[in-house]
PDB file of N, CA and C in Angstrom:
ATOM      1  N   MET A   1     209.269  39.903  73.924  1.00  0.00           N
ATOM      2  CA  MET A   1     208.418  40.949  74.487  1.00  0.00           C
ATOM      3  C   MET A   1     207.736  40.448  75.636  1.00  0.00           C
ATOM      4  N   GLY A   2     207.874  41.190  76.653  1.00  0.00           N
ATOM      5  CA  GLY A   2     207.573  40.811  77.933  1.00  0.00           C
ATOM      6  C   GLY A   2     205.953  41.168  78.145  1.00  0.00           C
ATOM      7  N   GLU A   3     205.567  40.739  79.340  1.00  0.00           N
ATOM      8  CA  GLU A   3     204.058  40.921  79.484  1.00  0.00           C
ATOM      9  C   GLU A   3     203.532  42.363  79.598  1.00  0.00           C
ATOM     10  N   ASP A   4     204.768  43.115  80.087  1.00  0.00           N
ATOM     11  CA  ASP A   4     204.527  44.612  80.431  1.00  0.00           C
ATOM     12  C   ASP A   4     204.859  45.285  78.940  1.00  0.00           C
ATOM     13  N   GLN A   5     204.791  44.573  77.702  1.00  0.00           N
ATOM     14  CA  GLN A   5     204.873  45.162  76.453  1.00  0.00           C
ATOM     15  C   GLN A   5     206.309  45.989  76.417  1.00  0.00           C
ATOM     16  N   ALA A   6     207.296  45.419  77.021  1.00  0.00           N
ATOM     17  CA  ALA A   6     208.611  46.078  76.908  1.00  0.00           C
ATOM     18  C   ALA A   6     209.520  45.149  75.972  1.00  0.00           C
ATOM     19  N   LEU A   7     210.240  45.520  75.110  1.00  0.00           N
ATOM     20  CA  LEU A   7     211.045  44.691  74.510  1.00  0.00           C
ATOM     21  C   LEU A   7     212.570  44.487  75.085  1.00  0.00           C
ATOM     22  N   THR A   8     212.937  43.326  75.429  1.00  0.00           N
ATOM     23  CA  THR A   8     214.221  43.071  75.994  1.00  0.00           C
ATOM     24  C   THR A   8     215.111  42.458  75.344  1.00  0.00           C
ATOM     25  N   LEU A   9     216.392  43.192  74.799  1.00  0.00           N
ATOM     26  CA  LEU A   9     217.357  42.310  74.056  1.00  0.00           C
ATOM     27  C   LEU A   9     218.530  42.038  74.857  1.00  0.00           C
ATOM     28  N   ILE A  10     219.055  40.680  74.727  1.00  0.00           N
ATOM     29  CA  ILE A  10     220.249  40.356  75.459  1.00  0.00           C
ATOM     30  C   ILE A  10     221.253  39.833  74.588  1.00  0.00           C
ATOM     31  N   LEU A  11     222.339  40.245  74.693  1.00  0.00           N
ATOM     32  CA  LEU A  11     223.543  39.917  73.848  1.00  0.00           C
ATOM     33  C   LEU A  11     224.608  39.410  74.772  1.00  0.00           C
ATOM     34  N   GLU A  12     225.143  38.219  74.488  1.00  0.00           N
ATOM     35  CA  GLU A  12     226.130  37.755  75.381  1.00  0.00           C
ATOM     36  C   GLU A  12     227.279  37.217  74.491  1.00  0.00           C
ATOM     37  N   ASP A  13     228.431  37.481  74.813  1.00  0.00           N
ATOM     38  CA  ASP A  13     229.634  36.723  74.096  1.00  0.00           C
ATOM     39  C   ASP A  13     230.622  36.369  75.185  1.00  0.00           C
ATOM     40  N   ASN A  14     231.818  35.811  75.062  1.00  0.00           N
ATOM     41  CA  ASN A  14     232.759  35.311  76.040  1.00  0.00           C
ATOM     42  C   ASN A  14     233.294  36.647  76.872  1.00  0.00           C
ATOM     43  N   THR A  15     233.196  37.655  76.180  1.00  0.00           N
ATOM     44  CA  THR A  15     233.622  38.860  77.230  1.00  0.00           C
ATOM     45  C   THR A  15     232.605  39.985  77.841  1.00  0.00           C
ATOM     46  N   ASN A  16     231.544  40.027  77.060  1.00  0.00           N
ATOM     47  CA  ASN A  16     230.564  41.177  77.464  1.00  0.00           C
ATOM     48  C   ASN A  16     229.034  40.616  77.439  1.00  0.00           C
ATOM     49  N   TYR A  17     228.404  41.373  78.355  1.00  0.00           N
ATOM     50  CA  TYR A  17     226.975  41.058  78.444  1.00  0.00           C
ATOM     51  C   TYR A  17     226.292  42.487  78.269  1.00  0.00           C
ATOM     52  N   VAL A  18     225.434  42.502  77.372  1.00  0.00           N
ATOM     53  CA  VAL A  18     224.653  43.644  77.101  1.00  0.00           C
ATOM     54  C   VAL A  18     222.967  43.449  77.223  1.00  0.00           C
ATOM     55  N   GLU A  19     222.381  44.280  77.869  1.00  0.00           N
ATOM     56  CA  GLU A  19     220.908  44.118  77.899  1.00  0.00           C
ATOM     57  C   GLU A  19     220.388  45.347  77.625  1.00  0.00           C
ATOM     58  N   GLU A  20     219.407  45.321  76.619  1.00  0.00           N
ATOM     59  CA  GLU A  20     218.873  46.598  76.406  1.00  0.00           C
ATOM     60  C   GLU A  20     217.248  46.456  76.367  1.00  0.00           C
ATOM     61  N   ARG A  21     216.472  47.406  76.990  1.00  0.00           N
ATOM     62  CA  ARG A  21     215.122  47.435  77.171  1.00  0.00           C
ATOM     63  C   ARG A  21     214.470  48.652  76.560  1.00  0.00           C
ATOM     64  N   ILE A  22     213.243  48.235  75.825  1.00  0.00           N
ATOM     65  CA  ILE A  22     212.731  49.489  75.279  1.00  0.00           C
ATOM     66  C   ILE A  22     211.188  49.272  75.284  1.00  0.00           C
ATOM     67  N   TRP A  23     210.608  50.452  75.638  1.00  0.00           N
ATOM     68  CA  TRP A  23     209.198  50.399  75.786  1.00  0.00           C
ATOM     69  C   TRP A  23     208.653  51.779  75.674  1.00  0.00           C
ATOM     70  N   PHE A  24     207.261  51.925  75.278  1.00  0.00           N
ATOM     71  CA  PHE A  24     206.441  53.255  75.289  1.00  0.00           C
ATOM     72  C   PHE A  24     205.725  53.665  76.468  1.00  0.00           C
ATOM     73  N   ALA A  25     206.033  54.675  77.067  1.00  0.00           N
ATOM     74  CA  ALA A  25     205.503  55.290  78.080  1.00  0.00           C
ATOM     75  C   ALA A  25     204.020  55.870  77.745  1.00  0.00           C
ATOM     76  N   SER A  26     203.961  56.353  76.371  1.00  0.00           N
ATOM     77  CA  SER A  26     202.780  56.740  75.733  1.00  0.00           C
ATOM     78  C   SER A  26     202.732  56.632  74.293  1.00  0.00           C
ATOM     79  N   ASP A  27     202.059  57.066  73.655  1.00  0.00           N
ATOM     80  CA  ASP A  27     201.789  56.924  72.179  1.00  0.00           C
ATOM     81  C   ASP A  27     203.112  57.548  71.575  1.00  0.00           C
ATOM     82  N   ASN A  28     203.762  58.512  71.919  1.00  0.00           N
ATOM     83  CA  ASN A  28     204.760  59.365  71.356  1.00  0.00           C
ATOM     84  C   ASN A  28     206.091  59.529  72.242  1.00  0.00           C
ATOM     85  N   PHE A  29     206.058  58.807  73.473  1.00  0.00           N
ATOM     86  CA  PHE A  29     207.229  58.804  74.387  1.00  0.00           C
ATOM     87  C   PHE A  29     207.733  57.540  74.627  1.00  0.00           C
ATOM     88  N   ARG A  30     208.787  57.313  74.060  1.00  0.00           N
ATOM     89  CA  ARG A  30     209.691  56.030  74.043  1.00  0.00           C
ATOM     90  C   ARG A  30     210.705  55.941  75.193  1.00  0.00           C
ATOM     91  N   LEU A  31     211.045  55.089  75.854  1.00  0.00           N
ATOM     92  CA  LEU A  31     212.037  54.884  76.816  1.00  0.00           C
ATOM     93  C   LEU A  31     212.955  53.727  76.599  1.00  0.00           C
ATOM     94  N   ARG A  32     214.243  53.927  76.796  1.00  0.00           N
ATOM     95  CA  ARG A  32     215.106  52.956  76.381  1.00  0.00           C
ATOM     96  C   ARG A  32     216.329  52.910  77.526  1.00  0.00           C
ATOM     97  N   THR A  33     216.654  51.763  78.114  1.00  0.00           N
ATOM     98  CA  THR A  33     217.756  51.652  78.917  1.00  0.00           C
ATOM     99  C   THR A  33     218.664  50.614  78.463  1.00  0.00           C
ATOM    100  N   SER A  34     219.922  50.570  78.804  1.00  0.00           N
ATOM    101  CA  SER A  34     221.014  49.626  78.556  1.00  0.00           C
ATOM    102  C   SER A  34     221.970  49.503  79.679  1.00  0.00           C
ATOM    103  N   LEU A  35     222.393  48.199  79.761  1.00  0.00           N
ATOM    104  CA  LEU A  35     223.312  47.805  80.746  1.00  0.00           C
ATOM    105  C   LEU A  35     224.420  47.160  79.971  1.00  0.00           C
ATOM    106  N   ILE A  36     225.749  47.444  80.295  1.00  0.00           N
ATOM    107  CA  ILE A  36     226.855  46.590  79.752  1.00  0.00           C
ATOM    108  C   ILE A  36     227.661  46.385  80.875  1.00  0.00           C
ATOM    109  N   LYS A  37     227.960  44.946  80.771  1.00  0.00           N
ATOM    110  CA  LYS A  37     228.896  44.427  81.884  1.00  0.00           C
ATOM    111  C   LYS A  37     230.100  43.903  81.260  1.00  0.00           C
ATOM    112  N   SER A  38     231.238  43.960  81.726  1.00  0.00           N
ATOM    113  CA  SER A  38     232.530  43.281  81.244  1.00  0.00           C
ATOM    114  C   SER A  38     233.040  42.402  82.161  1.00  0.00           C
ATOM    115  N   PRO A  39     233.936  41.358  82.014  1.00  0.00           N
ATOM    116  CA  PRO A  39     234.335  40.400  82.877  1.00  0.00           C
ATOM    117  C   PRO A  39     235.341  41.308  83.754  1.00  0.00           C
ATOM    118  N   ASN A  40     236.055  42.315  83.516  1.00  0.00           N
ATOM    119  CA  ASN A  40     236.849  42.997  84.571  1.00  0.00           C
ATOM    120  C   ASN A  40     236.054  43.790  85.652  1.00  0.00           C
ATOM    121  N   GLY A  41     234.846  43.550  85.711  1.00  0.00           N
ATOM    122  CA  GLY A  41     233.966  44.225  86.643  1.00  0.00           C
ATOM    123  C   GLY A  41     233.489  45.497  86.279  1.00  0.00           C
ATOM    124  N   PHE A  42     233.670  46.123  85.037  1.00  0.00           N
ATOM    125  CA  PHE A  42     233.363  47.527  84.678  1.00  0.00           C
ATOM    126  C   PHE A  42     231.979  47.322  84.208  1.00  0.00           C
ATOM    127  N   SER A  43     231.063  48.250  84.693  1.00  0.00           N
ATOM    128  CA  SER A  43     229.571  48.372  84.132  1.00  0.00           C
ATOM    129  C   SER A  43     229.223  49.421  83.612  1.00  0.00           C
ATOM    130  N   GLN A  44     228.347  49.641  82.689  1.00  0.00           N
ATOM    131  CA  GLN A  44     228.040  51.114  82.282  1.00  0.00           C
ATOM    132  C   GLN A  44     226.358  50.974  82.105  1.00  0.00           C
ATOM    133  N   THR A  45     225.712  51.868  82.381  1.00  0.00           N
ATOM    134  CA  THR A  45     224.289  51.850  82.264  1.00  0.00           C
ATOM    135  C   THR A  45     223.978  53.261  81.441  1.00  0.00           C
ATOM    136  N   THR A  46     222.820  53.260  80.680  1.00  0.00           N
ATOM    137  CA  THR A  46     222.439  54.462  79.950  1.00  0.00           C
ATOM    138  C   THR A  46     220.941  54.434  79.924  1.00  0.00           C
ATOM    139  N   PHE A  47     220.230  55.600  79.860  1.00  0.00           N
ATOM    140  CA  PHE A  47     218.935  55.783  79.971  1.00  0.00           C
ATOM    141  C   PHE A  47     218.602  56.843  78.775  1.00  0.00           C
ATOM    142  N   TYR A  48     217.909  56.566  77.849  1.00  0.00           N
ATOM    143  CA  TYR A  48     217.261  57.481  76.818  1.00  0.00           C
ATOM    144  C   TYR A  48     215.770  57.707  76.948  1.00  0.00           C
ATOM    145  N   SER A  49     215.461  58.953  76.610  1.00  0.00           N
ATOM    146  CA  SER A  49     213.975  59.042  76.469  1.00  0.00           C
ATOM    147  C   SER A  49     213.847  59.840  74.973  1.00  0.00           C
ATOM    148  N   GLU A  50     212.770  59.323  74.466  1.00  0.00           N
ATOM    149  CA  GLU A  50     212.727  59.913  73.014  1.00  0.00           C
ATOM    150  C   GLU A  50     211.196  60.439  72.550  1.00  0.00           C
ATOM    151  N   ILE A  51     211.056  61.505  72.320  1.00  0.00           N
ATOM    152  CA  ILE A  51     209.578  62.054  71.870  1.00  0.00           C
ATOM    153  C   ILE A  51     209.506  62.164  70.329  1.00  0.00           C
ATOM    154  N   ARG A  52     208.726  61.323  69.812  1.00  0.00           N
ATOM    155  CA  ARG A  52     208.237  61.514  68.462  1.00  0.00           C
ATOM    156  C   ARG A  52     207.212  62.492  68.114  1.00  0.00           C
ATOM    157  N   LYS A  53     207.438  63.121  67.069  1.00  0.00           N
ATOM    158  CA  LYS A  53     206.341  64.118  66.619  1.00  0.00           C
ATOM    159  C   LYS A  53     205.280  63.214  65.746  1.00  0.00           C
ATOM    160  N   LEU A  54     203.989  63.361  66.292  1.00  0.00           N
ATOM    161  CA  LEU A  54     202.912  62.664  65.748  1.00  0.00           C
ATOM    162  C   LEU A  54     202.162  63.733  64.737  1.00  0.00           C
ATOM    163  N   PRO A  55     201.546  63.260  63.655  1.00  0.00           N
ATOM    164  CA  PRO A  55     200.788  64.156  62.921  1.00  0.00           C
ATOM    165  C   PRO A  55     199.639  64.701  63.507  1.00  0.00           C
ATOM    166  N   PRO A  56     199.114  65.913  63.117  1.00  0.00           N
ATOM    167  CA  PRO A  56     197.801  66.384  63.945  1.00  0.00           C
ATOM    168  C   PRO A  56     196.678  65.584  63.661  1.00  0.00           C
ATOM    169  N   LYS A  57     195.900  65.418  64.609  1.00  0.00           N
ATOM    170  CA  LYS A  57     194.548  64.516  64.646  1.00  0.00           C
ATOM    171  C   LYS A  57     193.536  65.399  63.860  1.00  0.00           C
ATOM    172  N   GLU A  58     192.929  64.470  62.800  1.00  0.00           N
ATOM    173  CA  GLU A  58     191.802  65.212  61.993  1.00  0.00           C
ATOM    174  C   GLU A  58     190.661  65.576  62.967  1.00  0.00           C
ATOM    175  N   ALA A  59     190.132  66.821  62.440  1.00  0.00           N
ATOM    176  CA  ALA A  59     188.985  67.415  63.149  1.00  0.00           C
ATOM    177  C   ALA A  59     187.861  66.510  62.879  1.00  0.00           C
ATOM    178  N   ALA A  60     186.921  66.216  63.708  1.00  0.00           N
ATOM    179  CA  ALA A  60     185.805  65.476  63.490  1.00  0.00           C
ATOM    180  C   ALA A  60     184.604  66.086  63.014  1.00  0.00           C
TER     181      ALA A  60
END
């Protein structure tokens, strides 16, 4: 977990490098990016945004 409250996962083996980063932009809005690099020079990136439904707030 970084100082910016983002979770970064890095997976490496002899052939691939994968980095995924997950963070919340607000209470119900999550962002996720991933980067995949292969030794043959191929790279792939993805971006996801996810909105989760929150229960209604109780009336005061």
